[in-house]
N, C-alpha and C. Protein backbone atom coordinates (compact mmCIF):
# COMPACT_ATOMS: atom_id res chain seq x y z
N MET A 1 0.84 -1.19 0.00
CA MET A 1 0.00 0.00 0.00
C MET A 1 0.88 1.24 0.00
N ASN A 2 0.52 2.23 -0.80
CA ASN A 2 1.28 3.47 -0.91
C ASN A 2 0.97 4.38 0.27
N THR A 3 1.98 4.78 1.02
CA THR A 3 1.76 5.64 2.17
C THR A 3 2.47 6.98 2.01
N TYR A 4 2.77 7.36 0.78
CA TYR A 4 3.42 8.65 0.55
C TYR A 4 2.49 9.78 0.98
N PRO A 5 3.03 10.84 1.55
CA PRO A 5 2.17 11.97 1.93
C PRO A 5 1.64 12.67 0.67
N LYS A 6 0.43 13.15 0.76
CA LYS A 6 -0.14 13.86 -0.37
C LYS A 6 0.44 15.27 -0.41
N THR A 7 0.80 15.70 -1.59
CA THR A 7 1.28 17.07 -1.77
C THR A 7 0.21 17.85 -2.51
N ALA A 8 0.40 19.14 -2.61
CA ALA A 8 -0.58 19.99 -3.27
C ALA A 8 -0.87 19.53 -4.69
N THR A 9 0.12 19.05 -5.41
CA THR A 9 -0.09 18.68 -6.80
C THR A 9 -0.87 17.37 -6.95
N THR A 10 -0.98 16.55 -5.93
CA THR A 10 -1.74 15.31 -6.07
C THR A 10 -3.23 15.58 -6.17
N HIS A 11 -3.67 16.76 -5.78
CA HIS A 11 -5.08 17.11 -5.83
C HIS A 11 -5.43 17.92 -7.07
N GLU A 12 -4.48 18.13 -7.94
CA GLU A 12 -4.70 18.98 -9.09
C GLU A 12 -4.55 18.22 -10.39
N ASN A 13 -5.29 18.65 -11.37
CA ASN A 13 -5.21 18.11 -12.71
C ASN A 13 -4.54 19.18 -13.56
N SER A 14 -3.43 18.87 -14.19
CA SER A 14 -2.67 19.90 -14.90
C SER A 14 -3.45 20.52 -16.06
N THR A 15 -4.46 19.83 -16.56
CA THR A 15 -5.24 20.41 -17.65
C THR A 15 -6.28 21.40 -17.14
N THR A 16 -6.60 21.35 -15.87
CA THR A 16 -7.58 22.29 -15.31
C THR A 16 -6.96 23.26 -14.32
N ASN A 17 -5.72 23.09 -13.97
CA ASN A 17 -5.05 23.98 -13.04
C ASN A 17 -3.84 24.62 -13.70
N LEU A 18 -4.15 25.53 -14.61
CA LEU A 18 -3.13 26.28 -15.33
C LEU A 18 -3.24 27.74 -14.91
N TYR A 19 -2.10 28.35 -14.70
CA TYR A 19 -2.07 29.72 -14.20
C TYR A 19 -1.08 30.56 -14.97
N VAL A 20 -1.30 31.87 -14.94
CA VAL A 20 -0.30 32.87 -15.31
C VAL A 20 -0.43 33.97 -14.28
N TYR A 21 0.61 34.76 -14.16
CA TYR A 21 0.52 35.93 -13.31
C TYR A 21 1.07 37.13 -14.05
N GLU A 22 0.58 38.29 -13.67
CA GLU A 22 1.07 39.55 -14.22
C GLU A 22 1.83 40.27 -13.13
N TYR A 23 3.00 40.76 -13.48
CA TYR A 23 3.82 41.50 -12.53
C TYR A 23 4.57 42.58 -13.29
N LYS A 24 4.40 43.80 -12.86
CA LYS A 24 5.04 44.95 -13.50
C LYS A 24 4.74 45.01 -15.00
N GLY A 25 3.47 44.74 -15.34
CA GLY A 25 3.04 44.84 -16.72
C GLY A 25 3.39 43.68 -17.63
N ARG A 26 4.00 42.64 -17.08
CA ARG A 26 4.40 41.48 -17.90
C ARG A 26 3.68 40.23 -17.42
N LEU A 27 3.28 39.41 -18.40
CA LEU A 27 2.66 38.13 -18.06
C LEU A 27 3.72 37.04 -18.01
N SER A 28 3.56 36.14 -17.07
CA SER A 28 4.46 34.99 -16.96
C SER A 28 4.12 33.98 -18.05
N ASP A 29 4.96 33.00 -18.19
CA ASP A 29 4.62 31.84 -19.01
C ASP A 29 3.52 31.07 -18.30
N LYS A 30 2.89 30.16 -19.01
CA LYS A 30 1.86 29.31 -18.41
C LYS A 30 2.52 28.41 -17.37
N ILE A 31 1.88 28.29 -16.20
CA ILE A 31 2.42 27.50 -15.10
C ILE A 31 1.41 26.42 -14.73
N THR A 32 1.86 25.18 -14.68
CA THR A 32 0.99 24.10 -14.24
C THR A 32 1.15 23.91 -12.74
N TYR A 33 0.05 23.64 -12.11
CA TYR A 33 -0.03 23.35 -10.69
C TYR A 33 0.16 24.58 -9.80
N ARG A 34 -0.73 24.69 -8.85
CA ARG A 34 -0.71 25.78 -7.88
C ARG A 34 0.61 25.84 -7.12
N LYS A 35 1.13 24.68 -6.75
CA LYS A 35 2.39 24.62 -5.99
C LYS A 35 3.51 25.32 -6.76
N ASN A 36 3.59 25.07 -8.07
CA ASN A 36 4.63 25.70 -8.88
C ASN A 36 4.42 27.20 -8.99
N LEU A 37 3.17 27.63 -9.10
CA LEU A 37 2.85 29.06 -9.16
C LEU A 37 3.29 29.75 -7.87
N VAL A 38 2.90 29.18 -6.75
CA VAL A 38 3.24 29.76 -5.45
C VAL A 38 4.75 29.83 -5.28
N SER A 39 5.44 28.77 -5.61
CA SER A 39 6.90 28.74 -5.47
C SER A 39 7.57 29.80 -6.34
N GLU A 40 7.08 29.97 -7.56
CA GLU A 40 7.67 30.96 -8.45
C GLU A 40 7.45 32.38 -7.95
N ILE A 41 6.23 32.68 -7.50
CA ILE A 41 5.95 34.02 -6.99
C ILE A 41 6.73 34.27 -5.71
N GLN A 42 6.82 33.28 -4.85
CA GLN A 42 7.62 33.44 -3.63
C GLN A 42 9.08 33.72 -3.97
N GLY A 43 9.59 33.08 -4.99
CA GLY A 43 10.96 33.31 -5.41
C GLY A 43 11.20 34.73 -5.88
N ARG A 44 10.21 35.34 -6.49
CA ARG A 44 10.32 36.72 -6.96
C ARG A 44 10.09 37.72 -5.85
N CYS A 45 9.32 37.32 -4.85
CA CYS A 45 8.84 38.26 -3.84
C CYS A 45 9.64 38.23 -2.54
N GLY A 46 10.42 37.21 -2.34
CA GLY A 46 11.19 37.12 -1.11
C GLY A 46 10.34 36.81 0.10
N ASN A 47 10.65 37.42 1.21
CA ASN A 47 10.01 37.10 2.49
C ASN A 47 8.58 37.58 2.61
N ALA A 48 8.14 38.45 1.73
CA ALA A 48 6.79 39.01 1.86
C ALA A 48 5.70 37.93 1.82
N LEU A 49 5.94 36.84 1.13
CA LEU A 49 4.95 35.77 1.02
C LEU A 49 5.48 34.44 1.57
N GLY A 50 6.51 34.50 2.35
CA GLY A 50 7.16 33.30 2.86
C GLY A 50 6.35 32.50 3.86
N ALA A 51 5.31 33.11 4.43
CA ALA A 51 4.51 32.41 5.44
C ALA A 51 3.61 31.34 4.83
N PHE A 52 3.44 31.35 3.52
CA PHE A 52 2.57 30.38 2.86
C PHE A 52 3.37 29.15 2.46
N ASP A 53 2.81 27.97 2.72
CA ASP A 53 3.47 26.71 2.40
C ASP A 53 2.81 26.09 1.16
N ALA A 54 3.53 26.10 0.06
CA ALA A 54 3.00 25.60 -1.21
C ALA A 54 2.64 24.12 -1.14
N ASP A 55 3.30 23.36 -0.29
CA ASP A 55 3.05 21.92 -0.21
C ASP A 55 1.74 21.56 0.47
N THR A 56 1.24 22.42 1.34
CA THR A 56 0.03 22.10 2.09
C THR A 56 -1.12 23.05 1.79
N MET A 57 -1.00 23.82 0.74
CA MET A 57 -1.98 24.84 0.43
C MET A 57 -3.29 24.23 -0.05
N ASN A 58 -4.40 24.72 0.52
CA ASN A 58 -5.73 24.33 0.07
C ASN A 58 -6.37 25.54 -0.62
N GLU A 59 -7.61 25.42 -1.02
CA GLU A 59 -8.26 26.51 -1.77
C GLU A 59 -8.35 27.79 -0.95
N ALA A 60 -8.68 27.68 0.33
CA ALA A 60 -8.80 28.88 1.17
C ALA A 60 -7.45 29.58 1.35
N SER A 61 -6.41 28.81 1.62
CA SER A 61 -5.10 29.44 1.80
C SER A 61 -4.56 29.96 0.48
N PHE A 62 -4.94 29.33 -0.65
CA PHE A 62 -4.53 29.84 -1.94
C PHE A 62 -5.18 31.20 -2.21
N ARG A 63 -6.43 31.34 -1.84
CA ARG A 63 -7.11 32.64 -2.01
C ARG A 63 -6.44 33.71 -1.14
N SER A 64 -6.06 33.36 0.07
CA SER A 64 -5.33 34.30 0.94
C SER A 64 -4.00 34.67 0.32
N PHE A 65 -3.31 33.67 -0.24
CA PHE A 65 -2.04 33.92 -0.91
C PHE A 65 -2.24 34.88 -2.07
N ALA A 66 -3.27 34.65 -2.89
CA ALA A 66 -3.54 35.49 -4.05
C ALA A 66 -3.82 36.93 -3.64
N GLU A 67 -4.56 37.12 -2.55
CA GLU A 67 -4.83 38.47 -2.05
C GLU A 67 -3.55 39.16 -1.59
N ARG A 68 -2.73 38.43 -0.87
CA ARG A 68 -1.46 38.98 -0.39
C ARG A 68 -0.51 39.27 -1.56
N ALA A 69 -0.49 38.37 -2.54
CA ALA A 69 0.34 38.57 -3.74
C ALA A 69 -0.12 39.82 -4.49
N LYS A 70 -1.43 40.04 -4.54
CA LYS A 70 -1.97 41.24 -5.20
C LYS A 70 -1.44 42.49 -4.52
N ALA A 71 -1.38 42.47 -3.19
CA ALA A 71 -0.85 43.61 -2.45
C ALA A 71 0.63 43.85 -2.77
N GLU A 72 1.32 42.81 -3.21
CA GLU A 72 2.74 42.91 -3.56
C GLU A 72 2.94 43.22 -5.05
N GLY A 73 1.82 43.39 -5.79
CA GLY A 73 1.91 43.77 -7.19
C GLY A 73 1.70 42.66 -8.19
N PHE A 74 1.31 41.48 -7.74
CA PHE A 74 1.06 40.34 -8.62
C PHE A 74 -0.45 40.18 -8.84
N THR A 75 -0.84 39.90 -10.06
CA THR A 75 -2.22 39.52 -10.36
C THR A 75 -2.18 38.11 -10.91
N ILE A 76 -2.91 37.21 -10.29
CA ILE A 76 -2.90 35.80 -10.66
C ILE A 76 -4.16 35.49 -11.46
N TYR A 77 -3.98 34.75 -12.55
CA TYR A 77 -5.08 34.32 -13.39
C TYR A 77 -5.09 32.81 -13.48
N ARG A 78 -6.25 32.20 -13.32
CA ARG A 78 -6.42 30.78 -13.57
C ARG A 78 -6.94 30.65 -14.99
N LEU A 79 -6.27 29.85 -15.80
CA LEU A 79 -6.67 29.70 -17.19
C LEU A 79 -7.74 28.64 -17.32
N VAL A 80 -8.80 28.98 -18.04
CA VAL A 80 -9.92 28.06 -18.24
C VAL A 80 -10.18 27.98 -19.75
N GLN A 81 -10.22 26.77 -20.26
CA GLN A 81 -10.50 26.59 -21.68
C GLN A 81 -11.97 26.85 -21.95
N VAL A 82 -12.23 27.58 -23.00
CA VAL A 82 -13.60 27.93 -23.38
C VAL A 82 -14.07 27.03 -24.49
């Protein structure tokens, strides 16, 4: 039986969890998985968003992260196929 701990990406489908962010007027490349998005923004932002843990993030904490990232100048978009 597999007893590996679940990470944020085990709950996501890469075809439905695609993101981009805008920062200083530029859009990022397409990013798969919330965990990767959070890690990339944290890397650009330093300690301002360090309190968020990308590995254990749920929908509520992701929304809090997005609000805090917005205050730091990032706008996050979830891509949805039409």
